[in-house]
Amino acid sequence: NILVVIDPTKEEQTALSRAVYICQREEHAKLKLFLSVYDFS
């Protein structure tokens, strides 16, 4: 059960690529792409 923290400021999501790499080598593994957003204005 892998939590992948997404970076909205980056075009290349290295964390996602690495998590998928791990997930594809595991049985019954799953990912959750997670993004925390906030705008003070």
PDB file of all heavy atoms in Angstrom:
ATOM      1  N   ASN A   1       0.855  -1.189   0.000  1.00  0.00           N
ATOM      2  CA  ASN A   1       0.000   0.000   0.000  1.00  0.00           C
ATOM      3  C   ASN A   1       0.893   1.242   0.000  1.00  0.00           C
ATOM      4  O   ASN A   1       1.216   1.789   1.050  1.00  0.00           O
ATOM      5  CB  ASN A   1      -0.908  -0.044   1.228  1.00  0.00           C
ATOM      6  CG  ASN A   1      -1.991   1.000   1.179  1.00  0.00           C
ATOM      7  OD1 ASN A   1      -2.215   1.651   0.162  1.00  0.00           O
ATOM      8  ND2 ASN A   1      -2.675   1.188   2.299  1.00  0.00           N
ATOM      9  N   ILE A   2       1.279   1.709  -1.175  1.00  0.00           N
ATOM     10  CA  ILE A   2       2.292   2.750  -1.321  1.00  0.00           C
ATOM     11  C   ILE A   2       1.638   4.113  -1.546  1.00  0.00           C
ATOM     12  O   ILE A   2       0.771   4.256  -2.409  1.00  0.00           O
ATOM     13  CB  ILE A   2       3.241   2.423  -2.490  1.00  0.00           C
ATOM     14  CG1 ILE A   2       3.888   1.046  -2.280  1.00  0.00           C
ATOM     15  CG2 ILE A   2       4.307   3.500  -2.652  1.00  0.00           C
ATOM     16  CD1 ILE A   2       4.705   0.567  -3.477  1.00  0.00           C
ATOM     17  N   LEU A   3       2.076   5.094  -0.778  1.00  0.00           N
ATOM     18  CA  LEU A   3       1.602   6.463  -0.947  1.00  0.00           C
ATOM     19  C   LEU A   3       2.643   7.242  -1.744  1.00  0.00           C
ATOM     20  O   LEU A   3       3.808   7.334  -1.341  1.00  0.00           O
ATOM     21  CB  LEU A   3       1.381   7.134   0.409  1.00  0.00           C
ATOM     22  CG  LEU A   3       0.776   8.548   0.373  1.00  0.00           C
ATOM     23  CD1 LEU A   3      -0.677   8.478  -0.084  1.00  0.00           C
ATOM     24  CD2 LEU A   3       0.866   9.226   1.740  1.00  0.00           C
ATOM     25  N   VAL A   4       2.233   7.804  -2.880  1.00  0.00           N
ATOM     26  CA  VAL A   4       3.136   8.556  -3.748  1.00  0.00           C
ATOM     27  C   VAL A   4       2.788  10.036  -3.652  1.00  0.00           C
ATOM     28  O   VAL A   4       1.679  10.447  -4.011  1.00  0.00           O
ATOM     29  CB  VAL A   4       3.022   8.091  -5.218  1.00  0.00           C
ATOM     30  CG1 VAL A   4       4.059   8.799  -6.072  1.00  0.00           C
ATOM     31  CG2 VAL A   4       3.163   6.581  -5.311  1.00  0.00           C
ATOM     32  N   VAL A   5       3.728  10.831  -3.173  1.00  0.00           N
ATOM     33  CA  VAL A   5       3.511  12.262  -3.028  1.00  0.00           C
ATOM     34  C   VAL A   5       3.836  12.941  -4.359  1.00  0.00           C
ATOM     35  O   VAL A   5       4.970  12.877  -4.847  1.00  0.00           O
ATOM     36  CB  VAL A   5       4.384  12.848  -1.907  1.00  0.00           C
ATOM     37  CG1 VAL A   5       4.131  14.347  -1.758  1.00  0.00           C
ATOM     38  CG2 VAL A   5       4.098  12.124  -0.588  1.00  0.00           C
ATOM     39  N   ILE A   6       2.842  13.588  -4.941  1.00  0.00           N
ATOM     40  CA  ILE A   6       2.999  14.237  -6.241  1.00  0.00           C
ATOM     41  C   ILE A   6       3.424  15.694  -6.057  1.00  0.00           C
ATOM     42  O   ILE A   6       2.921  16.390  -5.169  1.00  0.00           O
ATOM     43  CB  ILE A   6       1.676  14.168  -7.034  1.00  0.00           C
ATOM     44  CG1 ILE A   6       1.303  12.700  -7.301  1.00  0.00           C
ATOM     45  CG2 ILE A   6       1.795  14.931  -8.346  1.00  0.00           C
ATOM     46  CD1 ILE A   6       2.320  11.922  -8.102  1.00  0.00           C
ATOM     47  N   ASP A   7       4.352  16.135  -6.890  1.00  0.00           N
ATOM     48  CA  ASP A   7       4.851  17.510  -6.847  1.00  0.00           C
ATOM     49  C   ASP A   7       4.250  18.300  -8.007  1.00  0.00           C
ATOM     50  O   ASP A   7       4.623  18.082  -9.170  1.00  0.00           O
ATOM     51  CB  ASP A   7       6.378  17.506  -6.946  1.00  0.00           C
ATOM     52  CG  ASP A   7       6.976  18.901  -6.764  1.00  0.00           C
ATOM     53  OD1 ASP A   7       6.221  19.883  -6.784  1.00  0.00           O
ATOM     54  OD2 ASP A   7       8.208  18.982  -6.603  1.00  0.00           O
ATOM     55  N   PRO A   8       3.325  19.221  -7.739  1.00  0.00           N
ATOM     56  CA  PRO A   8       2.662  19.958  -8.823  1.00  0.00           C
ATOM     57  C   PRO A   8       3.580  20.931  -9.545  1.00  0.00           C
ATOM     58  O   PRO A   8       3.221  21.449 -10.601  1.00  0.00           O
ATOM     59  CB  PRO A   8       1.530  20.693  -8.102  1.00  0.00           C
ATOM     60  CG  PRO A   8       2.027  20.864  -6.703  1.00  0.00           C
ATOM     61  CD  PRO A   8       2.840  19.643  -6.408  1.00  0.00           C
ATOM     62  N   THR A   9       4.760  21.195  -8.979  1.00  0.00           N
ATOM     63  CA  THR A   9       5.687  22.139  -9.610  1.00  0.00           C
ATOM     64  C   THR A   9       6.630  21.460 -10.592  1.00  0.00           C
ATOM     65  O   THR A   9       7.404  22.147 -11.261  1.00  0.00           O
ATOM     66  CB  THR A   9       6.528  22.863  -8.542  1.00  0.00           C
ATOM     67  OG1 THR A   9       7.414  21.923  -7.905  1.00  0.00           O
ATOM     68  CG2 THR A   9       5.638  23.496  -7.484  1.00  0.00           C
ATOM     69  N   LYS A  10       6.587  20.135 -10.676  1.00  0.00           N
ATOM     70  CA  LYS A  10       7.508  19.401 -11.528  1.00  0.00           C
ATOM     71  C   LYS A  10       6.772  18.720 -12.676  1.00  0.00           C
ATOM     72  O   LYS A  10       5.696  18.141 -12.484  1.00  0.00           O
ATOM     73  CB  LYS A  10       8.254  18.341 -10.710  1.00  0.00           C
ATOM     74  CG  LYS A  10       9.116  18.907  -9.581  1.00  0.00           C
ATOM     75  CD  LYS A  10      10.256  19.733 -10.124  1.00  0.00           C
ATOM     76  CE  LYS A  10      11.119  20.276  -8.994  1.00  0.00           C
ATOM     77  NZ  LYS A  10      12.223  21.111  -9.497  1.00  0.00           N
ATOM     78  N   GLU A  11       7.383  18.776 -13.850  1.00  0.00           N
ATOM     79  CA  GLU A  11       6.809  18.092 -15.005  1.00  0.00           C
ATOM     80  C   GLU A  11       7.079  16.596 -14.926  1.00  0.00           C
ATOM     81  O   GLU A  11       6.204  15.775 -15.222  1.00  0.00           O
ATOM     82  CB  GLU A  11       7.387  18.666 -16.298  1.00  0.00           C
ATOM     83  CG  GLU A  11       6.801  18.053 -17.560  1.00  0.00           C
ATOM     84  CD  GLU A  11       7.315  18.733 -18.820  1.00  0.00           C
ATOM     85  OE1 GLU A  11       7.915  19.828 -18.715  1.00  0.00           O
ATOM     86  OE2 GLU A  11       7.119  18.169 -19.913  1.00  0.00           O
ATOM     87  N   GLU A  12       8.306  16.244 -14.506  1.00  0.00           N
ATOM     88  CA  GLU A  12       8.669  14.830 -14.374  1.00  0.00           C
ATOM     89  C   GLU A  12       8.428  14.371 -12.944  1.00  0.00           C
ATOM     90  O   GLU A  12       9.016  14.918 -12.001  1.00  0.00           O
ATOM     91  CB  GLU A  12      10.136  14.619 -14.749  1.00  0.00           C
ATOM     92  CG  GLU A  12      10.581  13.171 -14.685  1.00  0.00           C
ATOM     93  CD  GLU A  12      12.046  12.994 -15.018  1.00  0.00           C
ATOM     94  OE1 GLU A  12      12.729  14.015 -15.256  1.00  0.00           O
ATOM     95  OE2 GLU A  12      12.521  11.843 -15.040  1.00  0.00           O
ATOM     96  N   GLN A  13       7.564  13.377 -12.780  1.00  0.00           N
ATOM     97  CA  GLN A  13       7.229  12.861 -11.456  1.00  0.00           C
ATOM     98  C   GLN A  13       8.101  11.638 -11.155  1.00  0.00           C
ATOM     99  O   GLN A  13       7.714  10.501 -11.374  1.00  0.00           O
ATOM    100  CB  GLN A  13       5.743  12.518 -11.380  1.00  0.00           C
ATOM    101  CG  GLN A  13       4.816  13.708 -11.582  1.00  0.00           C
ATOM    102  CD  GLN A  13       4.938  14.740 -10.463  1.00  0.00           C
ATOM    103  OE1 GLN A  13       5.194  14.393  -9.309  1.00  0.00           O
ATOM    104  NE2 GLN A  13       4.764  16.004 -10.811  1.00  0.00           N
ATOM    105  N   THR A  14       9.302  11.889 -10.625  1.00  0.00           N
ATOM    106  CA  THR A  14      10.245  10.799 -10.359  1.00  0.00           C
ATOM    107  C   THR A  14       9.716   9.836  -9.307  1.00  0.00           C
ATOM    108  O   THR A  14       9.961   8.632  -9.377  1.00  0.00           O
ATOM    109  CB  THR A  14      11.601  11.365  -9.902  1.00  0.00           C
ATOM    110  OG1 THR A  14      11.404  12.237  -8.770  1.00  0.00           O
ATOM    111  CG2 THR A  14      12.260  12.165 -11.020  1.00  0.00           C
ATOM    112  N   ALA A  15       8.979  10.366  -8.330  1.00  0.00           N
ATOM    113  CA  ALA A  15       8.429   9.505  -7.279  1.00  0.00           C
ATOM    114  C   ALA A  15       7.431   8.510  -7.858  1.00  0.00           C
ATOM    115  O   ALA A  15       7.415   7.333  -7.473  1.00  0.00           O
ATOM    116  CB  ALA A  15       7.764  10.353  -6.195  1.00  0.00           C
ATOM    117  N   LEU A  16       6.608   8.963  -8.779  1.00  0.00           N
ATOM    118  CA  LEU A  16       5.619   8.077  -9.401  1.00  0.00           C
ATOM    119  C   LEU A  16       6.313   6.982 -10.208  1.00  0.00           C
ATOM    120  O   LEU A  16       5.941   5.803 -10.116  1.00  0.00           O
ATOM    121  CB  LEU A  16       4.684   8.891 -10.288  1.00  0.00           C
ATOM    122  CG  LEU A  16       3.661   8.104 -11.111  1.00  0.00           C
ATOM    123  CD1 LEU A  16       2.807   7.209 -10.232  1.00  0.00           C
ATOM    124  CD2 LEU A  16       2.787   9.057 -11.928  1.00  0.00           C
ATOM    125  N   SER A  17       7.304   7.352 -10.985  1.00  0.00           N
ATOM    126  CA  SER A  17       8.023   6.355 -11.783  1.00  0.00           C
ATOM    127  C   SER A  17       8.660   5.299 -10.898  1.00  0.00           C
ATOM    128  O   SER A  17       8.600   4.101 -11.192  1.00  0.00           O
ATOM    129  CB  SER A  17       9.102   7.044 -12.633  1.00  0.00           C
ATOM    130  OG  SER A  17       8.535   7.991 -13.506  1.00  0.00           O
ATOM    131  N   ARG A  18       9.270   5.740  -9.791  1.00  0.00           N
ATOM    132  CA  ARG A  18       9.931   4.787  -8.889  1.00  0.00           C
ATOM    133  C   ARG A  18       8.901   3.901  -8.187  1.00  0.00           C
ATOM    134  O   ARG A  18       9.112   2.688  -8.034  1.00  0.00           O
ATOM    135  CB  ARG A  18      10.756   5.544  -7.852  1.00  0.00           C
ATOM    136  CG  ARG A  18      11.636   4.625  -7.005  1.00  0.00           C
ATOM    137  CD  ARG A  18      12.833   4.126  -7.820  1.00  0.00           C
ATOM    138  NE  ARG A  18      13.893   5.122  -7.865  1.00  0.00           N
ATOM    139  CZ  ARG A  18      14.563   5.431  -8.969  1.00  0.00           C
ATOM    140  NH1 ARG A  18      14.298   4.822 -10.104  1.00  0.00           N
ATOM    141  NH2 ARG A  18      15.531   6.332  -8.937  1.00  0.00           N
ATOM    142  N   ALA A  19       7.798   4.482  -7.765  1.00  0.00           N
ATOM    143  CA  ALA A  19       6.774   3.699  -7.083  1.00  0.00           C
ATOM    144  C   ALA A  19       6.168   2.651  -8.011  1.00  0.00           C
ATOM    145  O   ALA A  19       5.900   1.517  -7.588  1.00  0.00           O
ATOM    146  CB  ALA A  19       5.688   4.620  -6.540  1.00  0.00           C
ATOM    147  N   VAL A  20       5.949   3.012  -9.270  1.00  0.00           N
ATOM    148  CA  VAL A  20       5.433   2.046 -10.242  1.00  0.00           C
ATOM    149  C   VAL A  20       6.437   0.921 -10.438  1.00  0.00           C
ATOM    150  O   VAL A  20       6.060  -0.257 -10.512  1.00  0.00           O
ATOM    151  CB  VAL A  20       5.118   2.753 -11.577  1.00  0.00           C
ATOM    152  CG1 VAL A  20       4.861   1.721 -12.675  1.00  0.00           C
ATOM    153  CG2 VAL A  20       3.910   3.664 -11.416  1.00  0.00           C
ATOM    154  N   TYR A  21       7.703   1.271 -10.522  1.00  0.00           N
ATOM    155  CA  TYR A  21       8.766   0.265 -10.669  1.00  0.00           C
ATOM    156  C   TYR A  21       8.695  -0.757  -9.535  1.00  0.00           C
ATOM    157  O   TYR A  21       8.793  -1.968  -9.755  1.00  0.00           O
ATOM    158  CB  TYR A  21      10.123   0.967 -10.685  1.00  0.00           C
ATOM    159  CG  TYR A  21      11.321   0.067 -10.849  1.00  0.00           C
ATOM    160  CD1 TYR A  21      11.834  -0.218 -12.105  1.00  0.00           C
ATOM    161  CD2 TYR A  21      11.961  -0.491  -9.734  1.00  0.00           C
ATOM    162  CE1 TYR A  21      12.943  -1.035 -12.256  1.00  0.00           C
ATOM    163  CE2 TYR A  21      13.069  -1.308  -9.879  1.00  0.00           C
ATOM    164  CZ  TYR A  21      13.548  -1.574 -11.147  1.00  0.00           C
ATOM    165  OH  TYR A  21      14.645  -2.397 -11.281  1.00  0.00           O
ATOM    166  N   ILE A  22       8.525  -0.257  -8.298  1.00  0.00           N
ATOM    167  CA  ILE A  22       8.422  -1.156  -7.140  1.00  0.00           C
ATOM    168  C   ILE A  22       7.139  -1.965  -7.209  1.00  0.00           C
ATOM    169  O   ILE A  22       7.129  -3.179  -6.995  1.00  0.00           O
ATOM    170  CB  ILE A  22       8.482  -0.338  -5.835  1.00  0.00           C
ATOM    171  CG1 ILE A  22       9.862   0.311  -5.673  1.00  0.00           C
ATOM    172  CG2 ILE A  22       8.175  -1.227  -4.626  1.00  0.00           C
ATOM    173  CD1 ILE A  22       9.938   1.283  -4.510  1.00  0.00           C
ATOM    174  N   CYS A  23       6.048  -1.292  -7.519  1.00  0.00           N
ATOM    175  CA  CYS A  23       4.731  -1.936  -7.538  1.00  0.00           C
ATOM    176  C   CYS A  23       4.689  -3.081  -8.549  1.00  0.00           C
ATOM    177  O   CYS A  23       4.060  -4.119  -8.297  1.00  0.00           O
ATOM    178  CB  CYS A  23       3.663  -0.901  -7.851  1.00  0.00           C
ATOM    179  SG  CYS A  23       1.977  -1.435  -7.527  1.00  0.00           S
ATOM    180  N   GLN A  24       5.330  -2.914  -9.685  1.00  0.00           N
ATOM    181  CA  GLN A  24       5.322  -3.946 -10.720  1.00  0.00           C
ATOM    182  C   GLN A  24       6.127  -5.173 -10.325  1.00  0.00           C
ATOM    183  O   GLN A  24       6.030  -6.208 -10.974  1.00  0.00           O
ATOM    184  CB  GLN A  24       5.845  -3.358 -12.033  1.00  0.00           C
ATOM    185  CG  GLN A  24       4.891  -2.354 -12.672  1.00  0.00           C
ATOM    186  CD  GLN A  24       5.464  -1.690 -13.901  1.00  0.00           C
ATOM    187  OE1 GLN A  24       6.677  -1.517 -14.037  1.00  0.00           O
ATOM    188  NE2 GLN A  24       4.594  -1.295 -14.827  1.00  0.00           N
ATOM    189  N   ARG A  25       6.918  -5.058  -9.254  1.00  0.00           N
ATOM    190  CA  ARG A  25       7.701  -6.189  -8.767  1.00  0.00           C
ATOM    191  C   ARG A  25       7.105  -6.812  -7.520  1.00  0.00           C
ATOM    192  O   ARG A  25       7.690  -7.696  -6.924  1.00  0.00           O
ATOM    193  CB  ARG A  25       9.145  -5.732  -8.501  1.00  0.00           C
ATOM    194  CG  ARG A  25       9.930  -5.607  -9.791  1.00  0.00           C
ATOM    195  CD  ARG A  25      11.072  -4.624  -9.712  1.00  0.00           C
ATOM    196  NE  ARG A  25      11.745  -4.559 -11.010  1.00  0.00           N
ATOM    197  CZ  ARG A  25      11.275  -3.905 -12.072  1.00  0.00           C
ATOM    198  NH1 ARG A  25      10.125  -3.262 -11.988  1.00  0.00           N
ATOM    199  NH2 ARG A  25      11.948  -3.897 -13.208  1.00  0.00           N
ATOM    200  N   GLU A  26       5.947  -6.341  -7.132  1.00  0.00           N
ATOM    201  CA  GLU A  26       5.227  -6.858  -5.980  1.00  0.00           C
ATOM    202  C   GLU A  26       3.910  -7.489  -6.422  1.00  0.00           C
ATOM    203  O   GLU A  26       3.339  -7.108  -7.448  1.00  0.00           O
ATOM    204  CB  GLU A  26       4.914  -5.717  -4.997  1.00  0.00           C
ATOM    205  CG  GLU A  26       6.130  -5.059  -4.389  1.00  0.00           C
ATOM    206  CD  GLU A  26       6.685  -5.824  -3.220  1.00  0.00           C
ATOM    207  OE1 GLU A  26       6.904  -7.045  -3.375  1.00  0.00           O
ATOM    208  OE2 GLU A  26       6.887  -5.229  -2.166  1.00  0.00           O
ATOM    209  N   GLU A  27       3.433  -8.429  -5.641  1.00  0.00           N
ATOM    210  CA  GLU A  27       2.123  -9.016  -5.900  1.00  0.00           C
ATOM    211  C   GLU A  27       1.074  -8.285  -5.053  1.00  0.00           C
ATOM    212  O   GLU A  27       1.285  -8.039  -3.875  1.00  0.00           O
ATOM    213  CB  GLU A  27       2.127 -10.498  -5.547  1.00  0.00           C
ATOM    214  CG  GLU A  27       3.050 -11.347  -6.421  1.00  0.00           C
ATOM    215  CD  GLU A  27       3.013 -12.808  -6.019  1.00  0.00           C
ATOM    216  OE1 GLU A  27       2.247 -13.138  -5.091  1.00  0.00           O
ATOM    217  OE2 GLU A  27       3.750 -13.594  -6.631  1.00  0.00           O
ATOM    218  N   HIS A  28      -0.021  -7.937  -5.692  1.00  0.00           N
ATOM    219  CA  HIS A  28      -1.158  -7.313  -5.006  1.00  0.00           C
ATOM    220  C   HIS A  28      -0.803  -5.966  -4.387  1.00  0.00           C
ATOM    221  O   HIS A  28      -1.429  -5.542  -3.409  1.00  0.00           O
ATOM    222  CB  HIS A  28      -1.705  -8.245  -3.920  1.00  0.00           C
ATOM    223  CG  HIS A  28      -1.948  -9.637  -4.386  1.00  0.00           C
ATOM    224  ND1 HIS A  28      -2.853  -9.941  -5.384  1.00  0.00           N
ATOM    225  CD2 HIS A  28      -1.381 -10.823  -4.022  1.00  0.00           C
ATOM    226  CE1 HIS A  28      -2.838 -11.252  -5.594  1.00  0.00           C
ATOM    227  NE2 HIS A  28      -1.962 -11.797  -4.796  1.00  0.00           N
ATOM    228  N   ALA A  29       0.182  -5.282  -4.948  1.00  0.00           N
ATOM    229  CA  ALA A  29       0.530  -3.953  -4.440  1.00  0.00           C
ATOM    230  C   ALA A  29      -0.320  -2.898  -5.140  1.00  0.00           C
ATOM    231  O   ALA A  29      -0.746  -3.074  -6.280  1.00  0.00           O
ATOM    232  CB  ALA A  29       2.008  -3.676  -4.671  1.00  0.00           C
ATOM    233  N   LYS A  30      -0.572  -1.807  -4.433  1.00  0.00           N
ATOM    234  CA  LYS A  30      -1.353  -0.719  -5.013  1.00  0.00           C
ATOM    235  C   LYS A  30      -0.725   0.614  -4.646  1.00  0.00           C
ATOM    236  O   LYS A  30      -0.007   0.745  -3.643  1.00  0.00           O
ATOM    237  CB  LYS A  30      -2.800  -0.775  -4.527  1.00  0.00           C
ATOM    238  CG  LYS A  30      -2.964  -0.646  -3.020  1.00  0.00           C
ATOM    239  CD  LYS A  30      -4.430  -0.748  -2.610  1.00  0.00           C
ATOM    240  CE  LYS A  30      -4.595  -0.635  -1.095  1.00  0.00           C
ATOM    241  NZ  LYS A  30      -6.011  -0.724  -0.688  1.00  0.00           N
ATOM    242  N   LEU A  31      -1.004   1.622  -5.477  1.00  0.00           N
ATOM    243  CA  LEU A  31      -0.482   2.968  -5.272  1.00  0.00           C
ATOM    244  C   LEU A  31      -1.627   3.941  -5.023  1.00  0.00           C
ATOM    245  O   LEU A  31      -2.741   3.750  -5.502  1.00  0.00           O
ATOM    246  CB  LEU A  31       0.289   3.454  -6.506  1.00  0.00           C
ATOM    247  CG  LEU A  31       1.412   2.591  -7.068  1.00  0.00           C
ATOM    248  CD1 LEU A  31       2.035   3.282  -8.276  1.00  0.00           C
ATOM    249  CD2 LEU A  31       2.465   2.312  -6.014  1.00  0.00           C
ATOM    250  N   LYS A  32      -1.318   4.994  -4.303  1.00  0.00           N
ATOM    251  CA  LYS A  32      -2.225   6.128  -4.194  1.00  0.00           C
ATOM    252  C   LYS A  32      -1.428   7.387  -4.520  1.00  0.00           C
ATOM    253  O   LYS A  32      -0.437   7.688  -3.849  1.00  0.00           O
ATOM    254  CB  LYS A  32      -2.829   6.245  -2.795  1.00  0.00           C
ATOM    255  CG  LYS A  32      -3.787   7.446  -2.653  1.00  0.00           C
ATOM    256  CD  LYS A  32      -4.176   7.695  -1.209  1.00  0.00           C
ATOM    257  CE  LYS A  32      -5.080   6.594  -0.680  1.00  0.00           C
ATOM    258  NZ  LYS A  32      -5.460   6.839   0.728  1.00  0.00           N
ATOM    259  N   LEU A  33      -1.849   8.100  -5.559  1.00  0.00           N
ATOM    260  CA  LEU A  33      -1.242   9.382  -5.875  1.00  0.00           C
ATOM    261  C   LEU A  33      -1.881  10.432  -4.984  1.00  0.00           C
ATOM    262  O   LEU A  33      -3.101  10.600  -4.978  1.00  0.00           O
ATOM    263  CB  LEU A  33      -1.458   9.732  -7.347  1.00  0.00           C
ATOM    264  CG  LEU A  33      -1.090   8.655  -8.379  1.00  0.00           C
ATOM    265  CD1 LEU A  33      -1.079   9.254  -9.774  1.00  0.00           C
ATOM    266  CD2 LEU A  33       0.253   8.028  -8.057  1.00  0.00           C
ATOM    267  N   PHE A  34      -1.036  11.143  -4.240  1.00  0.00           N
ATOM    268  CA  PHE A  34      -1.538  12.044  -3.198  1.00  0.00           C
ATOM    269  C   PHE A  34      -1.006  13.450  -3.425  1.00  0.00           C
ATOM    270  O   PHE A  34       0.185  13.656  -3.662  1.00  0.00           O
ATOM    271  CB  PHE A  34      -1.106  11.543  -1.822  1.00  0.00           C
ATOM    272  CG  PHE A  34      -1.626  12.369  -0.679  1.00  0.00           C
ATOM    273  CD1 PHE A  34      -2.922  12.208  -0.222  1.00  0.00           C
ATOM    274  CD2 PHE A  34      -0.806  13.300  -0.057  1.00  0.00           C
ATOM    275  CE1 PHE A  34      -3.403  12.966   0.835  1.00  0.00           C
ATOM    276  CE2 PHE A  34      -1.279  14.060   1.000  1.00  0.00           C
ATOM    277  CZ  PHE A  34      -2.581  13.893   1.443  1.00  0.00           C
ATOM    278  N   LEU A  35      -1.905  14.422  -3.356  1.00  0.00           N
ATOM    279  CA  LEU A  35      -1.526  15.821  -3.537  1.00  0.00           C
ATOM    280  C   LEU A  35      -2.228  16.677  -2.495  1.00  0.00           C
ATOM    281  O   LEU A  35      -3.456  16.620  -2.342  1.00  0.00           O
ATOM    282  CB  LEU A  35      -1.909  16.296  -4.942  1.00  0.00           C
ATOM    283  CG  LEU A  35      -1.612  17.758  -5.290  1.00  0.00           C
ATOM    284  CD1 LEU A  35      -0.133  18.068  -5.152  1.00  0.00           C
ATOM    285  CD2 LEU A  35      -2.105  18.072  -6.695  1.00  0.00           C
ATOM    286  N   SER A  36      -1.448  17.458  -1.772  1.00  0.00           N
ATOM    287  CA  SER A  36      -1.982  18.394  -0.790  1.00  0.00           C
ATOM    288  C   SER A  36      -1.898  19.796  -1.382  1.00  0.00           C
ATOM    289  O   SER A  36      -0.819  20.259  -1.758  1.00  0.00           O
ATOM    290  CB  SER A  36      -1.172  18.318   0.507  1.00  0.00           C
ATOM    291  OG  SER A  36      -1.638  19.254   1.453  1.00  0.00           O
ATOM    292  N   VAL A  37      -3.035  20.473  -1.496  1.00  0.00           N
ATOM    293  CA  VAL A  37      -3.070  21.803  -2.111  1.00  0.00           C
ATOM    294  C   VAL A  37      -3.594  22.828  -1.114  1.00  0.00           C
ATOM    295  O   VAL A  37      -4.366  22.500  -0.207  1.00  0.00           O
ATOM    296  CB  VAL A  37      -3.949  21.811  -3.382  1.00  0.00           C
ATOM    297  CG1 VAL A  37      -3.353  20.916  -4.446  1.00  0.00           C
ATOM    298  CG2 VAL A  37      -5.380  21.396  -3.063  1.00  0.00           C
ATOM    299  N   TYR A  38      -3.161  24.071  -1.322  1.00  0.00           N
ATOM    300  CA  TYR A  38      -3.622  25.149  -0.438  1.00  0.00           C
ATOM    301  C   TYR A  38      -3.303  26.484  -1.086  1.00  0.00           C
ATOM    302  O   TYR A  38      -2.245  26.665  -1.701  1.00  0.00           O
ATOM    303  CB  TYR A  38      -2.929  25.079   0.925  1.00  0.00           C
ATOM    304  CG  TYR A  38      -3.442  26.086   1.935  1.00  0.00           C
ATOM    305  CD1 TYR A  38      -4.649  25.883   2.586  1.00  0.00           C
ATOM    306  CD2 TYR A  38      -2.707  27.237   2.215  1.00  0.00           C
ATOM    307  CE1 TYR A  38      -5.126  26.803   3.512  1.00  0.00           C
ATOM    308  CE2 TYR A  38      -3.174  28.169   3.137  1.00  0.00           C
ATOM    309  CZ  TYR A  38      -4.390  27.941   3.777  1.00  0.00           C
ATOM    310  OH  TYR A  38      -4.869  28.854   4.690  1.00  0.00           O
ATOM    311  N   ASP A  39      -4.231  27.425  -0.977  1.00  0.00           N
ATOM    312  CA  ASP A  39      -4.026  28.781  -1.472  1.00  0.00           C
ATOM    313  C   ASP A  39      -4.525  29.738  -0.403  1.00  0.00           C
ATOM    314  O   ASP A  39      -5.726  29.830  -0.146  1.00  0.00           O
ATOM    315  CB  ASP A  39      -4.780  28.997  -2.786  1.00  0.00           C
ATOM    316  CG  ASP A  39      -4.408  30.320  -3.456  1.00  0.00           C
ATOM    317  OD1 ASP A  39      -4.042  31.274  -2.723  1.00  0.00           O
ATOM    318  OD2 ASP A  39      -4.480  30.402  -4.691  1.00  0.00           O
ATOM    319  N   PHE A  40      -3.580  30.426   0.239  1.00  0.00           N
ATOM    320  CA  PHE A  40      -3.926  31.295   1.362  1.00  0.00           C
ATOM    321  C   PHE A  40      -4.886  32.410   0.938  1.00  0.00           C
ATOM    322  O   PHE A  40      -5.713  32.865   1.727  1.00  0.00           O
ATOM    323  CB  PHE A  40      -2.656  31.898   1.958  1.00  0.00           C
ATOM    324  CG  PHE A  40      -2.891  32.720   3.187  1.00  0.00           C
ATOM    325  CD1 PHE A  40      -3.331  32.128   4.364  1.00  0.00           C
ATOM    326  CD2 PHE A  40      -2.674  34.088   3.184  1.00  0.00           C
ATOM    327  CE1 PHE A  40      -3.549  32.871   5.506  1.00  0.00           C
ATOM    328  CE2 PHE A  40      -2.896  34.850   4.313  1.00  0.00           C
ATOM    329  CZ  PHE A  40      -3.325  34.244   5.483  1.00  0.00           C
ATOM    330  N   SER A  41      -4.772  32.839  -0.315  1.00  0.00           N
ATOM    331  CA  SER A  41      -5.630  33.930  -0.780  1.00  0.00           C
ATOM    332  C   SER A  41      -7.105  33.549  -0.738  1.00  0.00           C
ATOM    333  O   SER A  41      -7.973  34.397  -0.566  1.00  0.00           O
ATOM    334  CB  SER A  41      -5.230  34.343  -2.198  1.00  0.00           C
ATOM    335  OG  SER A  41      -5.441  33.282  -3.113  1.00  0.00           O
TER     336      SER A  41
END
